[in-house]
Amino acid sequence: MGRTGRTFEDLVAEADAVSVDGWDFSWLDGRATEQRPSWGYQRALGERLARASAALDIQTGGGEVVAGVPELPPLMAVTESWPPNVAKATALLHPRGAVVVADADEPPLPFADEAFDLVSSRHPVTVWWQEIARVLRPGGTYFAQHVGPASVFELVEFFLGPLPEESRKGRHPDLARAGARAAGLEVADLRAESLRIEFLDIGAVVYFLRKVIWMVPGFTVAAHRDRLLALHELIQERGPFVAHSARYLIEARKPA
């Protein structure tokens, strides 16, 4: 039995059955905690969107971040590749006058050159710098929060074992700086933070790994049952499982 009085089987079955569509993590309220970056990405994005005339949000997920912004520009477009998220973003954003474009997250972006004065993205899986630069107007800005290197690796390595050192170097902010510069953008701001995450029960772990599918590729409860049970027992014995996420903010401008 867990500290909540619920069994391993109950916790895992519940988390395995719940929908993981969209990019809303509210199901984890009371079951996991994550420290937030100090820069307040959604608030800062909202300030920029309120000043923009035409904006694009790439890999928007279920549209939750953009939908939570008070004021959208006269022209607002978002892209998303996963069909359930496309449907969710459409329901959230069409009433706000934003267009949702189903896109494969592969170049080229389905827009003309110099179409936007602001391009944004929160936690993109891939970043195509040349395409971002192409669709930005001269003087336009890319403003984004990216996942940094070795994010939540404490949890990933619990399931996969020690990962090669090379895998810890991917997604480094320096790579983003180099990519932006190579595309002709000027990096105006780049800051990184390591943030504490606590998983309070095994259900939270199951939900997280089902939703963030690249953490433990091919994750299923059936395939990883032994490690899930071991982690459940560890949480019961020692308390919340602690990991650390890596996040960085980047703002890059296309020269006027």
C-alpha atoms as a PDB file:
ATOM      1  CA  MET A   1       0.000   0.000   0.000  1.00  0.00           C
ATOM      2  CA  GLY A   2       1.143   3.553  -0.663  1.00  0.00           C
ATOM      3  CA  ARG A   3       1.107   6.423   1.770  1.00  0.00           C
ATOM      4  CA  THR A   4      -2.118   7.535   0.127  1.00  0.00           C
ATOM      5  CA  GLY A   5      -3.658   4.165   1.011  1.00  0.00           C
ATOM      6  CA  ARG A   6      -3.725   3.153  -2.652  1.00  0.00           C
ATOM      7  CA  THR A   7      -1.944   0.155  -4.083  1.00  0.00           C
ATOM      8  CA  PHE A   8       0.692   0.107  -6.803  1.00  0.00           C
ATOM      9  CA  GLU A   9      -1.863  -1.541  -9.104  1.00  0.00           C
ATOM     10  CA  ASP A  10      -4.473   1.179  -8.496  1.00  0.00           C
ATOM     11  CA  LEU A  11      -2.055   4.051  -9.034  1.00  0.00           C
ATOM     12  CA  VAL A  12      -0.574   2.603 -12.218  1.00  0.00           C
ATOM     13  CA  ALA A  13      -3.937   1.581 -13.719  1.00  0.00           C
ATOM     14  CA  GLU A  14      -5.392   5.061 -13.173  1.00  0.00           C
ATOM     15  CA  ALA A  15      -2.396   6.842 -14.722  1.00  0.00           C
ATOM     16  CA  ASP A  16      -2.278   4.400 -17.640  1.00  0.00           C
ATOM     17  CA  ALA A  17      -5.931   5.041 -18.528  1.00  0.00           C
ATOM     18  CA  VAL A  18      -6.117   8.847 -18.373  1.00  0.00           C
ATOM     19  CA  SER A  19      -5.853  10.890 -21.594  1.00  0.00           C
ATOM     20  CA  VAL A  20      -2.477  12.479 -22.296  1.00  0.00           C
ATOM     21  CA  ASP A  21      -3.667  14.673 -25.186  1.00  0.00           C
ATOM     22  CA  GLY A  22      -2.541  18.284 -25.235  1.00  0.00           C
ATOM     23  CA  TRP A  23       0.213  19.886 -23.192  1.00  0.00           C
ATOM     24  CA  ASP A  24      -1.704  20.540 -19.981  1.00  0.00           C
ATOM     25  CA  PHE A  25      -0.154  18.878 -16.929  1.00  0.00           C
ATOM     26  CA  SER A  26      -2.908  19.761 -14.438  1.00  0.00           C
ATOM     27  CA  TRP A  27      -3.608  16.052 -13.823  1.00  0.00           C
ATOM     28  CA  LEU A  28      -0.338  16.051 -11.868  1.00  0.00           C
ATOM     29  CA  ASP A  29      -1.558  18.657  -9.366  1.00  0.00           C
ATOM     30  CA  GLY A  30      -0.964  17.189  -5.911  1.00  0.00           C
ATOM     31  CA  ARG A  31       1.033  14.292  -7.388  1.00  0.00           C
ATOM     32  CA  ALA A  32       4.135  16.059  -8.692  1.00  0.00           C
ATOM     33  CA  THR A  33       5.747  19.475  -8.370  1.00  0.00           C
ATOM     34  CA  GLU A  34       8.043  21.376 -10.727  1.00  0.00           C
ATOM     35  CA  GLN A  35       9.930  24.550 -10.010  1.00  0.00           C
ATOM     36  CA  ARG A  36       9.220  27.205 -12.633  1.00  0.00           C
ATOM     37  CA  PRO A  37      11.881  29.253 -14.463  1.00  0.00           C
ATOM     38  CA  SER A  38      12.392  32.708 -13.017  1.00  0.00           C
ATOM     39  CA  TRP A  39      11.740  34.518 -16.306  1.00  0.00           C
ATOM     40  CA  GLY A  40       7.989  33.645 -16.544  1.00  0.00           C
ATOM     41  CA  TYR A  41       7.809  32.578 -20.186  1.00  0.00           C
ATOM     42  CA  GLN A  42       4.042  32.819 -20.753  1.00  0.00           C
ATOM     43  CA  ARG A  43       3.845  36.317 -19.251  1.00  0.00           C
ATOM     44  CA  ALA A  44       6.845  37.490 -21.291  1.00  0.00           C
ATOM     45  CA  LEU A  45       5.396  35.923 -24.452  1.00  0.00           C
ATOM     46  CA  GLY A  46       2.103  37.681 -23.786  1.00  0.00           C
ATOM     47  CA  GLU A  47       3.852  41.047 -23.641  1.00  0.00           C
ATOM     48  CA  ARG A  48       5.478  40.399 -27.014  1.00  0.00           C
ATOM     49  CA  LEU A  49       2.309  39.060 -28.660  1.00  0.00           C
ATOM     50  CA  ALA A  50       0.416  42.172 -27.591  1.00  0.00           C
ATOM     51  CA  ARG A  51       2.925  44.283 -29.556  1.00  0.00           C
ATOM     52  CA  ALA A  52       3.130  42.016 -32.625  1.00  0.00           C
ATOM     53  CA  SER A  53       1.230  42.426 -35.893  1.00  0.00           C
ATOM     54  CA  ALA A  54       1.725  38.865 -37.189  1.00  0.00           C
ATOM     55  CA  ALA A  55       2.972  35.970 -35.045  1.00  0.00           C
ATOM     56  CA  LEU A  56       3.645  32.249 -35.366  1.00  0.00           C
ATOM     57  CA  ASP A  57       3.894  29.707 -32.545  1.00  0.00           C
ATOM     58  CA  ILE A  58       5.708  26.535 -33.632  1.00  0.00           C
ATOM     59  CA  GLN A  59       4.929  23.069 -32.185  1.00  0.00           C
ATOM     60  CA  THR A  60       2.156  24.591 -30.096  1.00  0.00           C
ATOM     61  CA  GLY A  61       1.001  21.334 -28.486  1.00  0.00           C
ATOM     62  CA  GLY A  62      -2.658  21.691 -27.524  1.00  0.00           C
ATOM     63  CA  GLY A  63      -2.402  25.475 -27.815  1.00  0.00           C
ATOM     64  CA  GLU A  64      -2.498  25.984 -24.054  1.00  0.00           C
ATOM     65  CA  VAL A  65       0.367  28.496 -23.821  1.00  0.00           C
ATOM     66  CA  VAL A  66      -0.961  30.764 -26.570  1.00  0.00           C
ATOM     67  CA  ALA A  67      -4.554  30.422 -25.320  1.00  0.00           C
ATOM     68  CA  GLY A  68      -3.431  31.631 -21.892  1.00  0.00           C
ATOM     69  CA  VAL A  69      -2.134  34.945 -23.269  1.00  0.00           C
ATOM     70  CA  PRO A  70      -4.462  37.935 -22.716  1.00  0.00           C
ATOM     71  CA  GLU A  71      -4.075  39.598 -26.130  1.00  0.00           C
ATOM     72  CA  LEU A  72      -3.207  38.048 -29.492  1.00  0.00           C
ATOM     73  CA  PRO A  73      -1.967  39.978 -32.547  1.00  0.00           C
ATOM     74  CA  PRO A  74      -4.259  40.675 -35.527  1.00  0.00           C
ATOM     75  CA  LEU A  75      -2.714  37.695 -37.330  1.00  0.00           C
ATOM     76  CA  MET A  76      -1.921  34.649 -35.155  1.00  0.00           C
ATOM     77  CA  ALA A  77      -0.933  31.256 -36.550  1.00  0.00           C
ATOM     78  CA  VAL A  78       0.287  28.099 -34.823  1.00  0.00           C
ATOM     79  CA  THR A  79       1.638  24.789 -36.089  1.00  0.00           C
ATOM     80  CA  GLU A  80       1.316  21.308 -34.591  1.00  0.00           C
ATOM     81  CA  SER A  81       1.982  17.800 -35.894  1.00  0.00           C
ATOM     82  CA  TRP A  82       0.111  15.401 -33.573  1.00  0.00           C
ATOM     83  CA  PRO A  83      -3.574  15.035 -34.637  1.00  0.00           C
ATOM     84  CA  PRO A  84      -5.074  14.972 -31.100  1.00  0.00           C
ATOM     85  CA  ASN A  85      -3.174  18.165 -30.300  1.00  0.00           C
ATOM     86  CA  VAL A  86      -4.252  19.767 -33.596  1.00  0.00           C
ATOM     87  CA  ALA A  87      -7.876  19.140 -32.609  1.00  0.00           C
ATOM     88  CA  LYS A  88      -7.352  20.478 -29.094  1.00  0.00           C
ATOM     89  CA  ALA A  89      -5.506  23.583 -30.284  1.00  0.00           C
ATOM     90  CA  THR A  90      -8.244  24.247 -32.850  1.00  0.00           C
ATOM     91  CA  ALA A  91     -10.925  24.134 -30.151  1.00  0.00           C
ATOM     92  CA  LEU A  92      -8.914  26.465 -27.901  1.00  0.00           C
ATOM     93  CA  LEU A  93      -7.600  28.943 -30.447  1.00  0.00           C
ATOM     94  CA  HIS A  94     -10.193  29.299 -33.197  1.00  0.00           C
ATOM     95  CA  PRO A  95     -12.508  31.232 -30.836  1.00  0.00           C
ATOM     96  CA  ARG A  96      -9.567  33.627 -30.314  1.00  0.00           C
ATOM     97  CA  GLY A  97      -9.230  34.169 -34.070  1.00  0.00           C
ATOM     98  CA  ALA A  98      -6.010  32.140 -34.428  1.00  0.00           C
ATOM     99  CA  VAL A  99      -5.432  29.665 -37.247  1.00  0.00           C
ATOM    100  CA  VAL A 100      -4.075  26.166 -36.493  1.00  0.00           C
ATOM    101  CA  VAL A 101      -1.967  24.589 -39.236  1.00  0.00           C
ATOM    102  CA  ALA A 102      -1.273  20.836 -39.214  1.00  0.00           C
ATOM    103  CA  ASP A 103       2.440  20.590 -40.001  1.00  0.00           C
ATOM    104  CA  ALA A 104       4.887  17.678 -39.930  1.00  0.00           C
ATOM    105  CA  ASP A 105       7.569  19.602 -37.989  1.00  0.00           C
ATOM    106  CA  GLU A 106       9.930  19.179 -40.918  1.00  0.00           C
ATOM    107  CA  PRO A 107      11.215  21.941 -43.216  1.00  0.00           C
ATOM    108  CA  PRO A 108       9.869  23.931 -44.864  1.00  0.00           C
ATOM    109  CA  LEU A 109       7.429  25.780 -42.656  1.00  0.00           C
ATOM    110  CA  PRO A 110       4.186  26.250 -44.640  1.00  0.00           C
ATOM    111  CA  PHE A 111       4.509  30.048 -44.809  1.00  0.00           C
ATOM    112  CA  ALA A 112       6.034  32.612 -47.143  1.00  0.00           C
ATOM    113  CA  ASP A 113       9.322  34.387 -46.551  1.00  0.00           C
ATOM    114  CA  GLU A 114       9.181  37.265 -44.042  1.00  0.00           C
ATOM    115  CA  ALA A 115       5.591  36.480 -43.004  1.00  0.00           C
ATOM    116  CA  PHE A 116       5.919  37.170 -39.249  1.00  0.00           C
ATOM    117  CA  ASP A 117       7.437  39.749 -36.952  1.00  0.00           C
ATOM    118  CA  LEU A 118       7.376  37.274 -34.018  1.00  0.00           C
ATOM    119  CA  VAL A 119       8.007  33.522 -33.979  1.00  0.00           C
ATOM    120  CA  SER A 120       7.737  31.642 -30.680  1.00  0.00           C
ATOM    121  CA  SER A 121       7.896  28.109 -29.324  1.00  0.00           C
ATOM    122  CA  ARG A 122       7.747  26.468 -25.903  1.00  0.00           C
ATOM    123  CA  HIS A 123       9.724  23.242 -25.628  1.00  0.00           C
ATOM    124  CA  PRO A 124      10.103  22.440 -29.337  1.00  0.00           C
ATOM    125  CA  VAL A 125      11.336  18.932 -30.066  1.00  0.00           C
ATOM    126  CA  THR A 126      13.322  20.154 -33.080  1.00  0.00           C
ATOM    127  CA  VAL A 127      14.452  23.668 -34.006  1.00  0.00           C
ATOM    128  CA  TRP A 128      14.926  24.488 -37.681  1.00  0.00           C
ATOM    129  CA  TRP A 129      16.867  27.733 -37.440  1.00  0.00           C
ATOM    130  CA  GLN A 130      17.065  28.452 -41.163  1.00  0.00           C
ATOM    131  CA  GLU A 131      13.276  28.161 -41.456  1.00  0.00           C
ATOM    132  CA  ILE A 132      12.707  30.396 -38.432  1.00  0.00           C
ATOM    133  CA  ALA A 133      14.984  33.027 -39.971  1.00  0.00           C
ATOM    134  CA  ARG A 134      13.273  32.679 -43.367  1.00  0.00           C
ATOM    135  CA  VAL A 135       9.750  33.390 -42.104  1.00  0.00           C
ATOM    136  CA  LEU A 136      10.839  36.283 -39.854  1.00  0.00           C
ATOM    137  CA  ARG A 137      10.613  39.816 -41.188  1.00  0.00           C
ATOM    138  CA  PRO A 138      13.749  41.965 -40.936  1.00  0.00           C
ATOM    139  CA  GLY A 139      13.793  43.238 -37.366  1.00  0.00           C
ATOM    140  CA  GLY A 140      11.589  40.331 -36.264  1.00  0.00           C
ATOM    141  CA  THR A 141      12.205  38.174 -33.173  1.00  0.00           C
ATOM    142  CA  TYR A 142      12.312  34.514 -32.225  1.00  0.00           C
ATOM    143  CA  PHE A 143      11.336  34.137 -28.549  1.00  0.00           C
ATOM    144  CA  ALA A 144      11.264  30.679 -27.001  1.00  0.00           C
ATOM    145  CA  GLN A 145      11.768  28.455 -23.993  1.00  0.00           C
ATOM    146  CA  HIS A 146      13.695  25.304 -24.840  1.00  0.00           C
ATOM    147  CA  VAL A 147      14.419  22.119 -22.936  1.00  0.00           C
ATOM    148  CA  GLY A 148      18.091  22.029 -21.969  1.00  0.00           C
ATOM    149  CA  PRO A 149      20.646  19.203 -21.736  1.00  0.00           C
ATOM    150  CA  ALA A 150      20.159  16.044 -19.632  1.00  0.00           C
ATOM    151  CA  SER A 151      16.705  17.176 -18.519  1.00  0.00           C
ATOM    152  CA  VAL A 152      15.045  14.817 -15.979  1.00  0.00           C
ATOM    153  CA  PHE A 153      17.907  12.364 -16.535  1.00  0.00           C
ATOM    154  CA  GLU A 154      17.590  11.057 -12.970  1.00  0.00           C
ATOM    155  CA  LEU A 155      14.251   9.530 -13.998  1.00  0.00           C
ATOM    156  CA  VAL A 156      15.371   8.524 -17.492  1.00  0.00           C
ATOM    157  CA  GLU A 157      18.430   6.686 -16.147  1.00  0.00           C
ATOM    158  CA  PHE A 158      16.330   4.899 -13.505  1.00  0.00           C
ATOM    159  CA  PHE A 159      14.570   3.172 -16.413  1.00  0.00           C
ATOM    160  CA  LEU A 160      17.326   3.003 -19.050  1.00  0.00           C
ATOM    161  CA  GLY A 161      20.469   2.777 -16.932  1.00  0.00           C
ATOM    162  CA  PRO A 162      23.474   5.121 -17.271  1.00  0.00           C
ATOM    163  CA  LEU A 163      23.438   7.022 -20.541  1.00  0.00           C
ATOM    164  CA  PRO A 164      26.579   7.855 -22.550  1.00  0.00           C
ATOM    165  CA  GLU A 165      28.218  11.178 -21.789  1.00  0.00           C
ATOM    166  CA  GLU A 166      27.538  12.320 -25.339  1.00  0.00           C
ATOM    167  CA  SER A 167      23.786  12.188 -24.697  1.00  0.00           C
ATOM    168  CA  ARG A 168      24.209  14.793 -21.950  1.00  0.00           C
ATOM    169  CA  LYS A 169      25.562  17.360 -24.395  1.00  0.00           C
ATOM    170  CA  GLY A 170      22.557  17.576 -26.704  1.00  0.00           C
ATOM    171  CA  ARG A 171      20.189  20.554 -26.414  1.00  0.00           C
ATOM    172  CA  HIS A 172      22.900  22.698 -24.852  1.00  0.00           C
ATOM    173  CA  PRO A 173      22.207  26.463 -24.990  1.00  0.00           C
ATOM    174  CA  ASP A 174      25.537  26.983 -26.757  1.00  0.00           C
ATOM    175  CA  LEU A 175      24.259  24.822 -29.629  1.00  0.00           C
ATOM    176  CA  ALA A 176      21.184  27.040 -29.903  1.00  0.00           C
ATOM    177  CA  ARG A 177      23.357  30.152 -29.948  1.00  0.00           C
ATOM    178  CA  ALA A 178      25.469  28.675 -32.740  1.00  0.00           C
ATOM    179  CA  GLY A 179      22.409  27.550 -34.714  1.00  0.00           C
ATOM    180  CA  ALA A 180      20.762  30.950 -34.479  1.00  0.00           C
ATOM    181  CA  ARG A 181      23.924  32.764 -35.546  1.00  0.00           C
ATOM    182  CA  ALA A 182      24.484  30.381 -38.452  1.00  0.00           C
ATOM    183  CA  ALA A 183      20.985  31.280 -39.684  1.00  0.00           C
ATOM    184  CA  GLY A 184      21.837  34.969 -39.544  1.00  0.00           C
ATOM    185  CA  LEU A 185      20.051  35.804 -36.289  1.00  0.00           C
ATOM    186  CA  GLU A 186      21.512  37.910 -33.492  1.00  0.00           C
ATOM    187  CA  VAL A 187      21.104  36.388 -30.013  1.00  0.00           C
ATOM    188  CA  ALA A 188      19.840  39.109 -27.681  1.00  0.00           C
ATOM    189  CA  ASP A 189      19.134  36.984 -24.594  1.00  0.00           C
ATOM    190  CA  LEU A 190      20.105  33.471 -23.493  1.00  0.00           C
ATOM    191  CA  ARG A 191      19.697  32.212 -19.906  1.00  0.00           C
ATOM    192  CA  ALA A 192      19.534  28.726 -18.445  1.00  0.00           C
ATOM    193  CA  GLU A 193      18.248  27.254 -15.178  1.00  0.00           C
ATOM    194  CA  SER A 194      18.108  23.844 -13.485  1.00  0.00           C
ATOM    195  CA  LEU A 195      14.740  23.254 -11.812  1.00  0.00           C
ATOM    196  CA  ARG A 196      13.690  20.748  -9.143  1.00  0.00           C
ATOM    197  CA  ILE A 197      10.958  18.198  -9.902  1.00  0.00           C
ATOM    198  CA  GLU A 198       9.360  15.886  -7.328  1.00  0.00           C
ATOM    199  CA  PHE A 199       7.239  12.843  -8.209  1.00  0.00           C
ATOM    200  CA  LEU A 200       5.054  12.062  -5.198  1.00  0.00           C
ATOM    201  CA  ASP A 201       3.636   8.734  -6.393  1.00  0.00           C
ATOM    202  CA  ILE A 202       4.186   6.188  -9.140  1.00  0.00           C
ATOM    203  CA  GLY A 203       1.053   7.294 -10.968  1.00  0.00           C
ATOM    204  CA  ALA A 204       2.687  10.661 -11.592  1.00  0.00           C
ATOM    205  CA  VAL A 205       5.689   8.913 -13.135  1.00  0.00           C
ATOM    206  CA  VAL A 206       3.493   6.798 -15.429  1.00  0.00           C
ATOM    207  CA  TYR A 207       1.538   9.836 -16.598  1.00  0.00           C
ATOM    208  CA  PHE A 208       4.698  11.870 -17.209  1.00  0.00           C
ATOM    209  CA  LEU A 209       6.416   9.144 -19.240  1.00  0.00           C
ATOM    210  CA  ARG A 210       3.264   8.477 -21.303  1.00  0.00           C
ATOM    211  CA  LYS A 211       2.950  12.191 -22.085  1.00  0.00           C
ATOM    212  CA  VAL A 212       6.604  13.131 -22.664  1.00  0.00           C
ATOM    213  CA  ILE A 213       7.187  10.207 -24.982  1.00  0.00           C
ATOM    214  CA  TRP A 214      10.832  10.943 -25.867  1.00  0.00           C
ATOM    215  CA  MET A 215      12.032  10.570 -22.258  1.00  0.00           C
ATOM    216  CA  VAL A 216      11.873   6.753 -22.217  1.00  0.00           C
ATOM    217  CA  PRO A 217      11.255   5.760 -25.853  1.00  0.00           C
ATOM    218  CA  GLY A 218       8.644   3.039 -26.208  1.00  0.00           C
ATOM    219  CA  PHE A 219       7.495   3.410 -22.608  1.00  0.00           C
ATOM    220  CA  THR A 220       4.535   1.252 -21.577  1.00  0.00           C
ATOM    221  CA  VAL A 221       3.445   0.035 -18.177  1.00  0.00           C
ATOM    222  CA  ALA A 222       3.671  -3.581 -19.331  1.00  0.00           C
ATOM    223  CA  ALA A 223       7.197  -3.261 -20.720  1.00  0.00           C
ATOM    224  CA  HIS A 224       8.563  -1.382 -17.700  1.00  0.00           C
ATOM    225  CA  ARG A 225       6.567  -2.962 -14.886  1.00  0.00           C
ATOM    226  CA  ASP A 226       9.591  -4.196 -12.901  1.00  0.00           C
ATOM    227  CA  ARG A 227      11.243  -0.769 -12.816  1.00  0.00           C
ATOM    228  CA  LEU A 228       7.937   0.919 -12.013  1.00  0.00           C
ATOM    229  CA  LEU A 229       7.435  -1.385  -9.037  1.00  0.00           C
ATOM    230  CA  ALA A 230      10.998  -0.756  -7.850  1.00  0.00           C
ATOM    231  CA  LEU A 231      10.454   3.007  -8.091  1.00  0.00           C
ATOM    232  CA  HIS A 232       7.103   2.746  -6.292  1.00  0.00           C
ATOM    233  CA  GLU A 233       8.802   0.946  -3.410  1.00  0.00           C
ATOM    234  CA  LEU A 234      11.578   3.546  -3.365  1.00  0.00           C
ATOM    235  CA  ILE A 235       9.042   6.382  -3.106  1.00  0.00           C
ATOM    236  CA  GLN A 236       7.249   4.578  -0.264  1.00  0.00           C
ATOM    237  CA  GLU A 237      10.503   4.096   1.603  1.00  0.00           C
ATOM    238  CA  ARG A 238      12.245   7.447   1.009  1.00  0.00           C
ATOM    239  CA  GLY A 239       9.575   9.912  -0.091  1.00  0.00           C
ATOM    240  CA  PRO A 240       9.245  11.822  -3.401  1.00  0.00           C
ATOM    241  CA  PHE A 241      11.553  10.925  -6.261  1.00  0.00           C
ATOM    242  CA  VAL A 242      13.599  14.026  -7.126  1.00  0.00           C
ATOM    243  CA  ALA A 243      14.818  14.946 -10.610  1.00  0.00           C
ATOM    244  CA  HIS A 244      15.896  18.184 -12.275  1.00  0.00           C
ATOM    245  CA  SER A 245      14.665  19.706 -15.506  1.00  0.00           C
ATOM    246  CA  ALA A 246      16.841  21.946 -17.663  1.00  0.00           C
ATOM    247  CA  ARG A 247      15.294  24.993 -19.315  1.00  0.00           C
ATOM    248  CA  TYR A 248      16.687  27.945 -21.210  1.00  0.00           C
ATOM    249  CA  LEU A 249      15.198  31.127 -22.589  1.00  0.00           C
ATOM    250  CA  ILE A 250      16.403  32.387 -25.948  1.00  0.00           C
ATOM    251  CA  GLU A 251      15.582  35.586 -27.812  1.00  0.00           C
ATOM    252  CA  ALA A 252      17.120  36.092 -31.261  1.00  0.00           C
ATOM    253  CA  ARG A 253      16.504  38.887 -33.757  1.00  0.00           C
ATOM    254  CA  LYS A 254      16.722  39.059 -37.522  1.00  0.00           C
ATOM    255  CA  PRO A 255      18.797  42.099 -38.458  1.00  0.00           C
ATOM    256  CA  ALA A 256      16.821  44.990 -39.904  1.00  0.00           C
END
